[in-house]
Protein backbone atom coordinates (compact mmCIF):
# COMPACT_ATOMS: atom_id res chain seq x y z
CA MET A 1 -29.41 -13.51 38.48
CA THR A 2 -28.19 -14.40 35.04
CA LYS A 3 -28.71 -17.92 33.75
CA HIS A 4 -25.94 -19.48 31.68
CA SER A 5 -26.10 -22.49 29.45
CA ARG A 6 -24.53 -25.78 30.46
CA HIS A 7 -21.79 -25.21 27.86
CA GLU A 8 -21.03 -21.82 29.38
CA ARG A 9 -20.94 -23.24 32.88
CA GLU A 10 -18.63 -26.02 31.78
CA ARG A 11 -16.32 -23.67 29.98
CA ARG A 12 -16.14 -21.33 33.01
CA ALA A 13 -15.29 -24.31 35.33
CA ALA A 14 -12.64 -25.48 32.86
CA ASP A 15 -11.14 -21.98 32.74
CA SER A 16 -11.12 -21.79 36.57
CA GLU A 17 -9.40 -25.14 36.77
CA ARG A 18 -6.82 -24.13 34.24
CA MET A 19 -6.20 -20.92 36.14
CA LYS A 20 -5.51 -22.89 39.32
CA GLU A 21 -3.03 -25.17 37.47
CA VAL A 22 -1.19 -22.21 36.05
CA GLN A 23 -1.14 -20.45 39.38
CA SER A 24 0.26 -23.51 41.13
CA ALA A 25 2.88 -24.02 38.41
CA TRP A 26 3.95 -20.37 38.72
CA TYR A 27 4.07 -20.53 42.48
CA GLY A 28 6.11 -23.80 42.30
CA SER A 29 8.73 -22.12 39.95
CA LEU A 30 9.53 -19.40 42.45
CA PRO A 31 12.52 -19.75 44.84
CA ALA A 32 11.32 -20.61 48.28
CA ALA A 33 12.29 -17.29 49.91
CA THR A 34 10.48 -15.30 47.15
CA ALA A 35 7.42 -17.50 47.45
CA GLU A 36 7.40 -17.02 51.30
CA ALA A 37 7.72 -13.25 51.00
CA PHE A 38 4.95 -13.25 48.41
CA THR A 39 2.69 -15.23 50.64
CA ARG A 40 3.39 -12.84 53.53
CA GLU A 41 2.49 -9.80 51.40
CA VAL A 42 -0.68 -11.41 50.14
CA GLU A 43 -1.80 -12.23 53.76
CA ALA A 44 -0.97 -8.64 54.93
CA ALA A 45 -3.05 -7.22 51.91
CA ARG A 46 -6.01 -9.49 52.77
CA ALA A 47 -5.80 -8.52 56.45
CA ARG A 48 -5.99 -4.84 55.56
CA GLY A 49 -9.28 -5.41 53.83
CA PRO A 50 -10.90 -3.22 51.11
CA LEU A 51 -10.28 0.44 50.86
CA PRO A 52 -12.77 2.80 52.66
CA PRO A 53 -15.27 4.47 50.28
CA PRO A 54 -14.24 7.91 48.94
CA PRO A 55 -15.57 10.92 50.84
CA ASP A 56 -18.89 12.39 49.73
CA MET A 57 -18.42 15.35 47.49
CA ALA A 58 -20.68 18.40 47.06
CA PRO A 59 -23.44 18.01 44.46
CA GLY A 60 -22.27 18.90 41.00
CA THR A 61 -18.56 18.55 41.81
CA LEU A 62 -16.63 16.66 39.31
CA PRO A 63 -14.18 14.04 40.69
CA ASN A 64 -11.42 15.07 38.32
CA PRO A 65 -10.18 18.54 37.22
CA PRO A 66 -10.95 19.71 33.63
CA ARG A 67 -8.51 19.09 30.92
CA PRO A 68 -5.95 21.83 30.15
CA GLY A 69 -7.40 24.44 28.04
CA ARG A 70 -11.04 23.43 29.02
CA GLU A 71 -11.28 25.31 32.25
CA PRO A 72 -14.51 27.01 32.86
CA LYS A 73 -14.64 30.79 32.19
CA PRO A 74 -14.77 33.03 35.24
CA PRO A 75 -18.14 34.82 35.85
CA LYS A 76 -18.41 38.27 34.18
CA ASN A 77 -18.25 41.35 36.31
CA GLU A 78 -20.92 43.89 35.39
CA GLN A 79 -18.81 46.82 36.60
CA ARG A 80 -18.70 48.63 33.37
CA SER A 81 -21.86 50.66 32.62
CA ARG A 82 -23.74 49.92 29.49
CA ARG A 83 -23.90 52.64 26.82
CA SER A 84 -27.38 53.96 26.29
CA TYR A 85 -28.21 54.64 22.66
């Protein structure tokens, strides 16, 4: 666990308090119907919970495709016979 100085803890607490004030002022400035709809959406999102973890992928599989022009080369076929000198 990281230790923070007293000044840092006080600054973080002041920031949290200020964010609560801004949030309540913003919420108070909304029309009643909009605020109610927003509250319902937030409650529905919290009820859903976090997203499930992504499925396990095969070892060595990149999660995203390569950039255009950076695709890996296909393996060489050794069908042609080599010349003997």
